[in-house]
Amino acid sequence: MRKIKKLTQEDLAEKVGVSRQAIAKWESGETSPDLEKSKLLAETLGVSLDDLVNYDANGNEGLSIPTKGKHIFGVVTVGEKGQIVIPARARKVFDIKTGERLVILGDESQGLAIMKADGFLEMADAIRRFQPK
């Protein structure tokens, strides 16, 4: 994440209030930052503390930690009839319950998006009400 943000070890050390050597030891796995320094690292790098601490490169298809509020939930497989299983963590983060209706939106150049049907229909109704007649 430090390299993606184009920070040197010295830059990050200054922002977190430690030495460059401390950053080097954290990156090599020789030592780990305490909770307060971890919190500062997460804030500085724009990621959640949970993702910083629990990041698993294998679980993220080898991608870096997503920016705070962004998620990589993994890869799903499309079944014979087009069905996919939404990963449990995604269902938890977005509070998706069994039997809940979802809207699938598509843009041929951007891809697919999934939204809760209730929220989407409320938004569509609000837009329709404000359209000039």
C-alpha atoms as a PDB file:
ATOM      1  CA  MET A   1       0.000   0.000   0.000  1.00  0.00           C
ATOM      2  CA  ARG A   2       2.874   2.355   0.760  1.00  0.00           C
ATOM      3  CA  LYS A   3       4.236   1.899  -2.748  1.00  0.00           C
ATOM      4  CA  ILE A   4       0.806   2.256  -4.361  1.00  0.00           C
ATOM      5  CA  LYS A   5       0.425   5.576  -2.507  1.00  0.00           C
ATOM      6  CA  LYS A   6       3.918   6.505  -3.790  1.00  0.00           C
ATOM      7  CA  LEU A   7       5.299   6.974  -0.287  1.00  0.00           C
ATOM      8  CA  THR A   8       8.854   6.192   0.717  1.00  0.00           C
ATOM      9  CA  GLN A   9       9.527   4.452   3.998  1.00  0.00           C
ATOM     10  CA  GLU A  10      10.749   7.823   5.269  1.00  0.00           C
ATOM     11  CA  ASP A  11       7.499   9.550   4.184  1.00  0.00           C
ATOM     12  CA  LEU A  12       5.341   6.956   5.923  1.00  0.00           C
ATOM     13  CA  ALA A  13       7.536   6.946   9.026  1.00  0.00           C
ATOM     14  CA  GLU A  14       7.151  10.711   9.342  1.00  0.00           C
ATOM     15  CA  LYS A  15       3.348  10.539   9.002  1.00  0.00           C
ATOM     16  CA  VAL A  16       3.067   7.752  11.590  1.00  0.00           C
ATOM     17  CA  GLY A  17       5.706   9.123  13.964  1.00  0.00           C
ATOM     18  CA  VAL A  18       8.259   6.304  13.847  1.00  0.00           C
ATOM     19  CA  SER A  19      11.676   5.693  12.309  1.00  0.00           C
ATOM     20  CA  ARG A  20      12.247   4.457   8.776  1.00  0.00           C
ATOM     21  CA  GLN A  21      13.766   1.337  10.328  1.00  0.00           C
ATOM     22  CA  ALA A  22      10.478   0.621  12.145  1.00  0.00           C
ATOM     23  CA  ILE A  23       8.612   0.762   8.820  1.00  0.00           C
ATOM     24  CA  ALA A  24      11.189  -1.575   7.248  1.00  0.00           C
ATOM     25  CA  LYS A  25      10.778  -4.068  10.117  1.00  0.00           C
ATOM     26  CA  TRP A  26       6.964  -3.932   9.839  1.00  0.00           C
ATOM     27  CA  GLU A  27       7.135  -4.516   6.082  1.00  0.00           C
ATOM     28  CA  SER A  28       9.514  -7.463   6.459  1.00  0.00           C
ATOM     29  CA  GLY A  29       7.364  -9.003   9.191  1.00  0.00           C
ATOM     30  CA  GLU A  30      10.206  -8.817  11.709  1.00  0.00           C
ATOM     31  CA  THR A  31       8.012  -6.766  14.075  1.00  0.00           C
ATOM     32  CA  SER A  32       4.452  -5.444  14.096  1.00  0.00           C
ATOM     33  CA  PRO A  33       3.130  -2.001  14.943  1.00  0.00           C
ATOM     34  CA  ASP A  34       1.130  -1.493  18.131  1.00  0.00           C
ATOM     35  CA  LEU A  35      -2.584  -0.717  17.910  1.00  0.00           C
ATOM     36  CA  GLU A  36      -2.173   3.071  17.903  1.00  0.00           C
ATOM     37  CA  LYS A  37       0.460   2.957  15.128  1.00  0.00           C
ATOM     38  CA  SER A  38      -1.711   0.483  13.181  1.00  0.00           C
ATOM     39  CA  LYS A  39      -4.596   2.940  13.390  1.00  0.00           C
ATOM     40  CA  LEU A  40      -2.359   5.751  12.103  1.00  0.00           C
ATOM     41  CA  LEU A  41      -1.085   3.495   9.307  1.00  0.00           C
ATOM     42  CA  ALA A  42      -4.642   2.651   8.235  1.00  0.00           C
ATOM     43  CA  GLU A  43      -5.667   6.324   8.246  1.00  0.00           C
ATOM     44  CA  THR A  44      -2.548   7.388   6.348  1.00  0.00           C
ATOM     45  CA  LEU A  45      -2.962   4.646   3.730  1.00  0.00           C
ATOM     46  CA  GLY A  46      -6.732   5.192   3.412  1.00  0.00           C
ATOM     47  CA  VAL A  47      -7.711   1.631   4.340  1.00  0.00           C
ATOM     48  CA  SER A  48      -9.733   0.164   7.182  1.00  0.00           C
ATOM     49  CA  LEU A  49      -7.877  -1.087  10.229  1.00  0.00           C
ATOM     50  CA  ASP A  50      -9.575  -4.460   9.734  1.00  0.00           C
ATOM     51  CA  ASP A  51      -8.266  -4.757   6.160  1.00  0.00           C
ATOM     52  CA  LEU A  52      -4.793  -3.608   7.211  1.00  0.00           C
ATOM     53  CA  VAL A  53      -4.587  -6.222   9.966  1.00  0.00           C
ATOM     54  CA  ASN A  54      -6.425  -9.093   8.273  1.00  0.00           C
ATOM     55  CA  TYR A  55      -5.348  -8.618   4.653  1.00  0.00           C
ATOM     56  CA  ASP A  56      -4.854 -11.896   2.816  1.00  0.00           C
ATOM     57  CA  ALA A  57      -3.327 -11.595  -0.658  1.00  0.00           C
ATOM     58  CA  ASN A  58      -4.715 -15.021  -1.595  1.00  0.00           C
ATOM     59  CA  GLY A  59      -8.238 -13.981  -0.619  1.00  0.00           C
ATOM     60  CA  ASN A  60      -8.007 -10.823  -2.729  1.00  0.00           C
ATOM     61  CA  GLU A  61      -6.803 -12.543  -5.888  1.00  0.00           C
ATOM     62  CA  GLY A  62      -3.338 -11.057  -5.231  1.00  0.00           C
ATOM     63  CA  LEU A  63      -4.662  -7.490  -5.365  1.00  0.00           C
ATOM     64  CA  SER A  64      -3.705  -4.811  -2.872  1.00  0.00           C
ATOM     65  CA  ILE A  65      -5.840  -3.773   0.084  1.00  0.00           C
ATOM     66  CA  PRO A  66      -8.853  -1.866  -1.219  1.00  0.00           C
ATOM     67  CA  THR A  67      -9.347   1.764  -0.223  1.00  0.00           C
ATOM     68  CA  LYS A  68     -11.585   2.291   2.811  1.00  0.00           C
ATOM     69  CA  GLY A  69     -15.222   1.804   1.824  1.00  0.00           C
ATOM     70  CA  LYS A  70     -14.250  -0.260  -1.238  1.00  0.00           C
ATOM     71  CA  HIS A  71     -14.254  -4.039  -1.124  1.00  0.00           C
ATOM     72  CA  ILE A  72     -12.941  -7.063  -2.944  1.00  0.00           C
ATOM     73  CA  PHE A  73     -15.078  -9.984  -1.841  1.00  0.00           C
ATOM     74  CA  GLY A  74     -13.441 -12.604  -4.021  1.00  0.00           C
ATOM     75  CA  VAL A  75     -14.335 -14.442  -7.177  1.00  0.00           C
ATOM     76  CA  VAL A  76     -17.670 -16.184  -7.712  1.00  0.00           C
ATOM     77  CA  THR A  77     -18.620 -18.767 -10.294  1.00  0.00           C
ATOM     78  CA  VAL A  78     -21.680 -18.386 -12.503  1.00  0.00           C
ATOM     79  CA  GLY A  79     -23.860 -21.496 -12.411  1.00  0.00           C
ATOM     80  CA  GLU A  80     -25.667 -23.174 -15.310  1.00  0.00           C
ATOM     81  CA  LYS A  81     -28.726 -20.961 -14.937  1.00  0.00           C
ATOM     82  CA  GLY A  82     -26.738 -17.754 -14.372  1.00  0.00           C
ATOM     83  CA  GLN A  83     -26.886 -17.861 -10.586  1.00  0.00           C
ATOM     84  CA  ILE A  84     -24.071 -16.602  -8.378  1.00  0.00           C
ATOM     85  CA  VAL A  85     -23.532 -16.874  -4.645  1.00  0.00           C
ATOM     86  CA  ILE A  86     -22.875 -13.536  -2.965  1.00  0.00           C
ATOM     87  CA  PRO A  87     -19.993 -14.078  -0.519  1.00  0.00           C
ATOM     88  CA  ALA A  88     -20.975 -14.100   3.172  1.00  0.00           C
ATOM     89  CA  ARG A  89     -18.793 -11.088   3.977  1.00  0.00           C
ATOM     90  CA  ALA A  90     -20.497  -9.055   1.220  1.00  0.00           C
ATOM     91  CA  ARG A  91     -23.918 -10.043   2.561  1.00  0.00           C
ATOM     92  CA  LYS A  92     -22.851  -8.938   6.041  1.00  0.00           C
ATOM     93  CA  VAL A  93     -21.318  -5.610   4.957  1.00  0.00           C
ATOM     94  CA  PHE A  94     -24.388  -4.702   2.869  1.00  0.00           C
ATOM     95  CA  ASP A  95     -26.926  -6.336   5.225  1.00  0.00           C
ATOM     96  CA  ILE A  96     -28.385  -8.584   2.517  1.00  0.00           C
ATOM     97  CA  LYS A  97     -30.842 -11.087   3.975  1.00  0.00           C
ATOM     98  CA  THR A  98     -32.142 -14.372   2.575  1.00  0.00           C
ATOM     99  CA  GLY A  99     -35.065 -13.737   0.227  1.00  0.00           C
ATOM    100  CA  GLU A 100     -34.240 -10.050  -0.246  1.00  0.00           C
ATOM    101  CA  ARG A 101     -34.835  -8.704  -3.753  1.00  0.00           C
ATOM    102  CA  LEU A 102     -31.899  -7.252  -5.676  1.00  0.00           C
ATOM    103  CA  VAL A 103     -31.731  -5.245  -8.904  1.00  0.00           C
ATOM    104  CA  ILE A 104     -29.007  -6.064 -11.439  1.00  0.00           C
ATOM    105  CA  LEU A 105     -27.944  -3.037 -13.473  1.00  0.00           C
ATOM    106  CA  GLY A 106     -25.675  -3.210 -16.507  1.00  0.00           C
ATOM    107  CA  ASP A 107     -23.552  -0.927 -18.608  1.00  0.00           C
ATOM    108  CA  GLU A 108     -21.820  -2.670 -21.498  1.00  0.00           C
ATOM    109  CA  SER A 109     -18.675  -0.582 -21.039  1.00  0.00           C
ATOM    110  CA  GLN A 110     -18.622  -0.582 -17.209  1.00  0.00           C
ATOM    111  CA  GLY A 111     -20.040  -3.977 -16.201  1.00  0.00           C
ATOM    112  CA  LEU A 112     -22.712  -5.057 -13.756  1.00  0.00           C
ATOM    113  CA  ALA A 113     -23.912  -3.545 -10.483  1.00  0.00           C
ATOM    114  CA  ILE A 114     -26.158  -5.034  -7.833  1.00  0.00           C
ATOM    115  CA  MET A 115     -28.414  -2.912  -5.608  1.00  0.00           C
ATOM    116  CA  LYS A 116     -31.107  -3.685  -3.086  1.00  0.00           C
ATOM    117  CA  ALA A 117     -34.415  -3.434  -4.937  1.00  0.00           C
ATOM    118  CA  ASP A 118     -36.127  -1.318  -2.261  1.00  0.00           C
ATOM    119  CA  GLY A 119     -33.426   1.371  -2.315  1.00  0.00           C
ATOM    120  CA  PHE A 120     -33.282   1.405  -6.102  1.00  0.00           C
ATOM    121  CA  LEU A 121     -37.056   1.612  -6.508  1.00  0.00           C
ATOM    122  CA  GLU A 122     -37.275   4.446  -3.938  1.00  0.00           C
ATOM    123  CA  MET A 123     -34.585   6.353  -5.843  1.00  0.00           C
ATOM    124  CA  ALA A 124     -36.316   5.736  -9.194  1.00  0.00           C
ATOM    125  CA  ASP A 125     -39.647   6.919  -7.740  1.00  0.00           C
ATOM    126  CA  ALA A 126     -38.043  10.098  -6.376  1.00  0.00           C
ATOM    127  CA  ILE A 127     -36.498  10.861  -9.778  1.00  0.00           C
ATOM    128  CA  ARG A 128     -39.829  10.252 -11.511  1.00  0.00           C
ATOM    129  CA  ARG A 129     -41.662  12.624  -9.106  1.00  0.00           C
ATOM    130  CA  PHE A 130     -39.231  15.455  -9.856  1.00  0.00           C
ATOM    131  CA  GLN A 131     -39.422  15.131 -13.643  1.00  0.00           C
ATOM    132  CA  PRO A 132     -41.133  18.082 -15.387  1.00  0.00           C
ATOM    133  CA  LYS A 133     -44.498  17.162 -16.857  1.00  0.00           C
END
